[in-house]
């Protein structure tokens, strides 16, 4: 009986494999850098045989280096499917390499990961309350810091709000000084209370600051128009486009900010049930979330709590009256004011650039 055998060459190739070890390593590196489809296209040009599936199979078989105990980590969410399902990406900020990808961003999942890695000393995160609770539960010894992007964003928002409110007050006070005492009450604009309640005190202050800045610019537009300037000249002097100036003047009165149209949400089909549940005196959000899931709700608990926050916030009747046209200032400036070409948006942009 005849037997057929072959000698193995472990330094050249593996058994039952048509590729050499060097070719497998080259295809694997192409897969890590480019992926399956792009790696196969490049391999075809370089005369490296290998389909996209072969390249991905080599990538999956590769042994990853053992990760050292992380000390400084950063975590952020990313979407498996936008507005439906989110995961968590955890990176080592010292080695600048990803550590793990979690299936979701819940407190239970993230805290369990931190409990398995007690070496973590510093955590960089965004402003998510779920991540804050997970860190306190899973890594109470860690120091929480804001990442650089959110730090710059928070600073820019604060500076923009401060400048928008302060710039309008400074310019208004400068004009009031030139007006007789008996006419000052007529020149003070009356702010309109918005019917829709703000979600937080910070957002309400930011809204009022933006409105004050816009009102101040609108008053400047009226003054410069009375001086005979064109829309383009007014826009370049104040810092807005000429089309915006034309639209404001054609409106005939101060253009209030339009209320944004609410985007459709996954909880919309269950609004009637949630409203009845709320009016019955129930306040257990976890119980409501379980009931909605049983009925087919596929959204997140955060979206549900955001809707409950709308029910929890009482609607305030609007107080105060806004005149159809803001009162004109009695004094007219022939030359631009020192702060006229300065805007809060430009200042906040420069802060972002400097912090980056």
Protein backbone atom coordinates (compact mmCIF):
# COMPACT_ATOMS: atom_id res chain seq x y z
CA UNK A 1 0.00 0.00 0.00
CA UNK A 2 1.48 3.32 -1.06
CA UNK A 3 1.39 6.36 1.25
CA UNK A 4 1.84 9.94 0.14
CA UNK A 5 3.43 12.34 2.56
CA UNK A 6 4.91 15.82 2.43
CA UNK A 7 7.51 17.54 4.50
CA UNK A 8 6.38 20.56 6.54
CA UNK A 9 8.17 23.90 6.16
CA UNK A 10 7.08 25.91 9.24
CA UNK A 11 9.37 28.82 8.35
CA UNK A 12 7.81 29.11 4.89
CA UNK A 13 4.09 28.33 5.16
CA UNK A 14 1.43 26.58 7.24
CA UNK A 15 -0.24 23.24 6.45
CA UNK A 16 -3.11 23.35 3.95
CA UNK A 17 -2.45 27.04 3.18
CA UNK A 18 -1.63 28.30 -0.30
CA UNK A 19 0.00 31.53 0.93
CA UNK A 20 3.47 31.91 2.37
CA UNK A 21 3.95 33.41 5.81
CA UNK A 22 5.41 36.59 4.31
CA UNK A 23 2.42 37.01 1.99
CA UNK A 24 0.01 36.41 4.86
CA UNK A 25 1.79 39.05 6.92
CA UNK A 26 1.66 41.53 4.04
CA UNK A 27 -2.07 40.95 3.51
CA UNK A 28 -2.72 41.23 7.24
CA UNK A 29 -0.96 44.60 7.44
CA UNK A 30 -2.93 45.84 4.44
CA UNK A 31 -6.11 44.74 6.18
CA UNK A 32 -5.22 46.61 9.37
CA UNK A 33 -4.42 49.79 7.45
CA UNK A 34 -7.06 49.77 4.70
CA UNK A 35 -9.67 47.12 5.48
CA UNK A 36 -10.90 44.28 3.32
CA UNK A 37 -12.15 45.90 0.12
CA UNK A 38 -9.48 48.59 -0.14
CA UNK A 39 -6.75 46.12 0.83
CA UNK A 40 -7.84 43.68 -1.89
CA UNK A 41 -7.80 46.47 -4.51
CA UNK A 42 -4.29 47.50 -3.49
CA UNK A 43 -3.15 43.87 -3.42
CA UNK A 44 -4.41 43.36 -6.97
CA UNK A 45 -2.28 46.27 -8.17
CA UNK A 46 0.76 44.89 -6.32
CA UNK A 47 0.11 41.35 -7.62
CA UNK A 48 -0.74 40.07 -4.13
CA UNK A 49 -3.48 37.43 -4.45
CA UNK A 50 -6.16 37.68 -1.79
CA UNK A 51 -9.86 38.43 -1.64
CA UNK A 52 -11.46 40.86 0.87
CA UNK A 53 -12.73 37.91 2.91
CA UNK A 54 -9.25 36.40 3.05
CA UNK A 55 -7.78 39.68 4.27
CA UNK A 56 -10.43 40.08 6.97
CA UNK A 57 -9.95 36.48 8.07
CA UNK A 58 -6.21 37.10 8.50
CA UNK A 59 -6.95 40.25 10.50
CA UNK A 60 -9.31 38.39 12.83
CA UNK A 61 -6.75 35.63 13.42
CA UNK A 62 -4.03 38.09 14.40
CA UNK A 63 -2.98 38.03 18.03
CA UNK A 64 -3.44 41.41 19.64
CA UNK A 65 -0.77 42.64 22.05
CA UNK A 66 -1.65 42.36 25.71
CA UNK A 67 -2.83 45.70 27.04
CA UNK A 68 -1.07 47.11 30.08
CA UNK A 69 -2.96 48.34 33.12
CA UNK A 70 -4.45 51.70 32.04
CA UNK A 71 -3.94 54.72 34.25
CA UNK A 72 -5.48 57.62 32.27
CA UNK A 73 -8.49 56.75 30.10
CA UNK A 74 -11.02 58.66 28.06
CA UNK A 75 -14.52 57.50 27.24
CA UNK A 76 -17.17 58.77 24.88
CA UNK A 77 -20.27 57.41 23.22
CA UNK A 78 -20.69 56.55 19.54
CA UNK A 79 -23.69 55.32 17.62
CA UNK A 80 -24.26 51.80 16.37
CA UNK A 81 -27.38 53.30 14.82
CA UNK A 82 -28.02 57.01 15.26
CA UNK A 83 -30.76 57.96 17.73
CA UNK A 84 -31.48 54.28 18.39
CA UNK A 85 -28.50 52.46 19.85
CA UNK A 86 -25.24 53.82 21.25
CA UNK A 87 -22.07 52.18 22.51
CA UNK A 88 -19.07 53.35 24.51
CA UNK A 89 -15.49 53.72 23.26
CA UNK A 90 -12.72 53.63 25.88
CA UNK A 91 -9.18 54.74 24.99
CA UNK A 92 -5.85 54.89 26.78
CA UNK A 93 -4.88 58.54 26.64
CA UNK A 94 -1.24 57.85 27.46
CA UNK A 95 -0.60 55.33 24.68
CA UNK A 96 -3.29 56.89 22.42
CA UNK A 97 -4.77 53.48 21.63
CA UNK A 98 -8.32 52.12 22.00
CA UNK A 99 -8.87 49.75 24.92
CA UNK A 100 -12.41 48.45 24.54
CA UNK A 101 -15.75 48.96 22.83
CA UNK A 102 -18.80 48.42 25.05
CA UNK A 103 -22.18 47.36 23.72
CA UNK A 104 -24.04 50.30 25.30
CA UNK A 105 -23.51 53.35 27.49
CA UNK A 106 -25.54 52.30 30.52
CA UNK A 107 -24.30 52.80 34.06
CA UNK A 108 -24.22 49.04 34.67
CA UNK A 109 -22.04 48.23 31.66
CA UNK A 110 -19.56 51.09 32.08
CA UNK A 111 -19.20 50.63 35.86
CA UNK A 112 -18.56 46.90 35.36
CA UNK A 113 -15.66 47.73 33.03
CA UNK A 114 -14.12 50.09 35.58
CA UNK A 115 -14.45 47.48 38.32
CA UNK A 116 -12.35 45.12 36.19
CA UNK A 117 -9.67 47.82 35.78
CA UNK A 118 -8.91 49.19 39.26
CA UNK A 119 -5.68 50.80 38.00
CA UNK A 120 -7.56 53.73 36.45
CA UNK A 121 -6.64 56.99 38.18
CA UNK A 122 -7.93 59.70 35.81
CA UNK A 123 -11.00 59.60 33.54
CA UNK A 124 -11.66 62.14 30.80
CA UNK A 125 -15.32 62.30 29.79
CA UNK A 126 -18.05 64.51 28.35
CA UNK A 127 -20.95 66.05 30.26
CA UNK A 128 -23.02 62.84 30.36
CA UNK A 129 -24.67 62.18 33.71
CA UNK A 130 -24.71 58.42 32.98
CA UNK A 131 -20.93 58.32 32.65
CA UNK A 132 -20.55 60.37 35.82
CA UNK A 133 -22.68 57.88 37.76
CA UNK A 134 -20.81 54.92 36.24
CA UNK A 135 -17.41 56.35 37.24
CA UNK A 136 -18.55 57.05 40.80
CA UNK A 137 -19.85 53.49 41.07
CA UNK A 138 -17.07 51.58 39.33
CA UNK A 139 -14.00 53.75 39.96
CA UNK A 140 -14.59 55.99 42.99
CA UNK A 141 -10.82 56.50 43.32
CA UNK A 142 -10.53 58.08 39.86
CA UNK A 143 -10.39 61.81 39.21
CA UNK A 144 -12.93 63.01 36.64
CA UNK A 145 -11.87 65.70 34.18
CA UNK A 146 -13.52 67.24 31.14
CA UNK A 147 -11.96 66.47 27.79
CA UNK A 148 -10.33 69.30 25.85
CA UNK A 149 -13.14 69.69 23.33
CA UNK A 150 -15.88 70.04 25.96
CA UNK A 151 -13.64 72.27 28.08
CA UNK A 152 -13.20 74.65 25.16
CA UNK A 153 -16.90 74.40 24.32
CA UNK A 154 -17.95 75.22 27.90
CA UNK A 155 -15.55 78.16 28.02
CA UNK A 156 -16.72 79.47 24.65
CA UNK A 157 -20.38 79.24 25.68
CA UNK A 158 -19.73 81.06 28.95
CA UNK A 159 -17.67 83.80 27.31
CA UNK A 160 -20.22 84.22 24.52
CA UNK A 161 -23.09 84.53 27.01
CA UNK A 162 -21.16 87.00 29.16
CA UNK A 163 -20.12 89.17 26.23
CA UNK A 164 -23.55 89.10 24.62
CA UNK A 165 -25.16 90.31 27.82
CA UNK A 166 -22.40 92.72 28.82
CA UNK A 167 -21.90 94.26 25.38
CA UNK A 168 -25.56 95.20 25.05
CA UNK A 169 -25.61 96.66 28.57
CA UNK A 170 -22.42 98.66 28.00
CA UNK A 171 -23.63 100.13 24.72
CA UNK A 172 -27.08 100.88 26.17
CA UNK A 173 -25.57 102.60 29.22
CA UNK A 174 -23.29 104.64 26.98
CA UNK A 175 -26.29 105.90 25.01
CA UNK A 176 -28.42 106.51 28.09
CA UNK A 177 -25.79 108.88 29.51
CA UNK A 178 -26.47 111.26 26.63
CA UNK A 179 -30.26 111.23 27.18
CA UNK A 180 -32.06 113.52 29.63
CA UNK A 181 -33.35 111.90 32.81
CA UNK A 182 -37.04 112.27 31.91
CA UNK A 183 -36.56 110.42 28.58
CA UNK A 184 -34.59 107.44 29.88
CA UNK A 185 -37.62 105.40 30.80
CA UNK A 186 -38.89 105.58 27.21
CA UNK A 187 -35.66 104.29 25.72
CA UNK A 188 -35.37 101.17 27.87
CA UNK A 189 -36.61 98.15 25.90
CA UNK A 190 -39.02 95.76 27.57
CA UNK A 191 -37.98 92.13 27.36
CA UNK A 192 -40.64 89.63 26.48
CA UNK A 193 -41.04 86.56 28.64
CA UNK A 194 -41.02 83.45 26.54
CA UNK A 195 -43.99 81.18 26.86
CA UNK A 196 -41.87 78.08 26.62
CA UNK A 197 -39.97 77.55 29.92
CA UNK A 198 -36.23 77.12 29.74
CA UNK A 199 -34.77 73.77 30.63
CA UNK A 200 -32.21 75.24 32.99
CA UNK A 201 -31.12 78.52 34.46
CA UNK A 202 -28.00 78.56 32.29
CA UNK A 203 -30.01 78.12 29.09
CA UNK A 204 -32.43 80.85 30.14
CA UNK A 205 -29.57 83.27 30.78
CA UNK A 206 -28.01 82.39 27.44
CA UNK A 207 -31.33 82.94 25.66
CA UNK A 208 -31.84 86.34 27.24
CA UNK A 209 -28.26 87.32 26.45
CA UNK A 210 -28.68 86.36 22.78
CA UNK A 211 -31.95 88.30 22.61
CA UNK A 212 -30.36 91.37 24.18
CA UNK A 213 -27.52 91.25 21.69
CA UNK A 214 -29.91 90.85 18.77
CA UNK A 215 -32.11 93.70 20.03
CA UNK A 216 -29.07 95.95 20.37
CA UNK A 217 -28.02 95.17 16.80
CA UNK A 218 -31.54 95.82 15.54
CA UNK A 219 -31.54 99.25 17.16
CA UNK A 220 -28.18 100.01 15.54
CA UNK A 221 -29.64 99.00 12.17
CA UNK A 222 -32.47 101.51 12.59
CA UNK A 223 -30.07 104.27 13.57
CA UNK A 224 -27.69 103.68 10.68
CA UNK A 225 -30.59 103.45 8.23
CA UNK A 226 -31.79 106.88 9.38
CA UNK A 227 -28.30 108.17 8.63
CA UNK A 228 -28.70 107.04 5.02
CA UNK A 229 -26.38 104.03 4.98
CA UNK A 230 -27.09 101.12 2.66
CA UNK A 231 -27.84 97.59 3.87
CA UNK A 232 -24.38 96.38 2.85
CA UNK A 233 -22.65 99.21 4.75
CA UNK A 234 -24.81 98.61 7.82
CA UNK A 235 -24.04 94.90 7.77
CA UNK A 236 -20.28 95.37 7.44
CA UNK A 237 -20.27 97.93 10.27
CA UNK A 238 -22.35 95.84 12.70
CA UNK A 239 -21.03 92.41 11.76
CA UNK A 240 -24.01 90.81 10.01
CA UNK A 241 -24.84 90.14 6.39
CA UNK A 242 -26.60 92.63 4.15
CA UNK A 243 -29.43 90.16 3.55
CA UNK A 244 -30.07 89.98 7.28
CA UNK A 245 -30.28 93.78 7.42
CA UNK A 246 -32.77 93.82 4.54
CA UNK A 247 -34.87 91.11 6.16
CA UNK A 248 -34.97 92.95 9.50
CA UNK A 249 -35.97 96.23 7.86
CA UNK A 250 -38.63 94.54 5.74
CA UNK A 251 -40.08 92.87 8.84
CA UNK A 252 -41.07 96.26 10.27
CA UNK A 253 -40.47 95.31 13.92
CA UNK A 254 -37.97 93.48 16.06
CA UNK A 255 -37.66 89.91 14.66
CA UNK A 256 -38.13 87.55 17.57
CA UNK A 257 -36.41 84.19 17.39
CA UNK A 258 -38.61 81.52 15.90
CA UNK A 259 -39.47 78.52 17.96
CA UNK A 260 -37.65 75.52 16.59
CA UNK A 261 -39.77 72.75 15.16
CA UNK A 262 -39.68 69.68 17.33
CA UNK A 263 -38.10 66.69 15.63
CA UNK A 264 -40.06 63.42 15.59
CA UNK A 265 -39.08 61.04 18.39
CA UNK A 266 -39.47 57.34 19.00
CA UNK A 267 -41.63 58.10 22.01
CA UNK A 268 -44.25 59.99 19.99
CA UNK A 269 -46.53 56.93 19.47
CA UNK A 270 -46.62 56.42 23.24
CA UNK A 271 -47.35 60.01 24.29
CA UNK A 272 -50.99 59.32 25.08
CA UNK A 273 -50.08 56.37 27.31
CA UNK A 274 -47.32 58.33 29.09
CA UNK A 275 -49.66 61.28 29.66
CA UNK A 276 -52.33 59.04 31.18
CA UNK A 277 -49.67 57.35 33.31
CA UNK A 278 -48.43 60.74 34.54
CA UNK A 279 -51.90 62.11 35.29
CA UNK A 280 -52.62 58.99 37.36
CA UNK A 281 -49.94 60.14 39.81
CA UNK A 282 -47.19 57.69 38.85
CA UNK A 283 -43.61 58.93 39.13
CA UNK A 284 -41.46 55.78 38.85
CA UNK A 285 -39.49 56.27 35.65
CA UNK A 286 -37.93 52.80 35.67
CA UNK A 287 -41.36 51.19 35.88
CA UNK A 288 -42.60 53.33 32.98
CA UNK A 289 -39.56 52.42 30.89
CA UNK A 290 -40.23 48.71 31.43
CA UNK A 291 -43.89 49.13 30.48
CA UNK A 292 -42.98 51.00 27.30
CA UNK A 293 -40.42 48.37 26.35
CA UNK A 294 -43.07 45.70 26.77
CA UNK A 295 -45.28 47.64 24.34
CA UNK A 296 -42.53 47.81 21.72
CA UNK A 297 -40.72 51.07 22.56
CA UNK A 298 -37.17 50.90 21.12
CA UNK A 299 -35.84 54.27 22.21
CA UNK A 300 -33.49 55.03 25.08
CA UNK A 301 -34.42 55.78 28.66
CA UNK A 302 -32.80 59.20 28.25
CA UNK A 303 -35.35 60.18 25.60
CA UNK A 304 -38.16 59.02 27.87
CA UNK A 305 -36.86 61.05 30.83
CA UNK A 306 -36.47 64.07 28.54
CA UNK A 307 -40.15 63.81 27.69
CA UNK A 308 -41.07 63.42 31.37
CA UNK A 309 -39.11 66.59 32.08
CA UNK A 310 -41.50 68.46 29.79
CA UNK A 311 -44.42 67.16 31.86
CA UNK A 312 -42.69 68.00 35.12
CA UNK A 313 -41.97 71.63 34.16
CA UNK A 314 -45.06 73.83 34.69
CA UNK A 315 -46.06 76.10 31.83
CA UNK A 316 -45.76 79.75 32.75
CA UNK A 317 -48.09 82.33 31.30
CA UNK A 318 -46.30 85.06 29.46
CA UNK A 319 -46.01 88.27 31.42
CA UNK A 320 -45.21 91.71 30.20
CA UNK A 321 -45.92 93.24 26.84
CA UNK A 322 -43.48 93.78 24.05
CA UNK A 323 -44.01 96.87 21.95
CA UNK A 324 -44.50 96.27 18.25
CA UNK A 325 -41.45 98.41 17.58
CA UNK A 326 -38.57 99.00 20.02
CA UNK A 327 -38.14 102.57 21.12
CA UNK A 328 -35.59 104.50 19.12
CA UNK A 329 -32.63 106.04 20.86
CA UNK A 330 -32.56 109.82 20.89
CA UNK A 331 -28.82 110.05 20.27
CA UNK A 332 -27.42 109.01 16.89
CA UNK A 333 -23.77 108.14 16.34
CA UNK A 334 -22.15 109.37 13.17
CA UNK A 335 -19.05 107.18 13.68
CA UNK A 336 -18.88 103.52 14.73
CA UNK A 337 -18.73 102.95 18.47
CA UNK A 338 -15.54 101.41 19.91
CA UNK A 339 -17.36 98.10 20.53
CA UNK A 340 -19.49 98.18 17.40
CA UNK A 341 -17.29 95.88 15.34
CA UNK A 342 -16.84 93.45 18.21
CA UNK A 343 -19.21 90.50 18.59
CA UNK A 344 -19.55 87.73 21.16
CA UNK A 345 -19.46 85.10 18.44
CA UNK A 346 -16.06 86.27 17.18
CA UNK A 347 -14.72 86.40 20.73
CA UNK A 348 -15.90 82.87 21.51
CA UNK A 349 -14.36 81.66 18.22
CA UNK A 350 -11.01 83.11 19.18
CA UNK A 351 -11.26 81.42 22.58
CA UNK A 352 -11.87 78.05 20.88
CA UNK A 353 -8.89 78.57 18.56
CA UNK A 354 -6.60 79.51 21.45
CA UNK A 355 -7.68 76.56 23.60
CA UNK A 356 -7.28 74.09 20.70
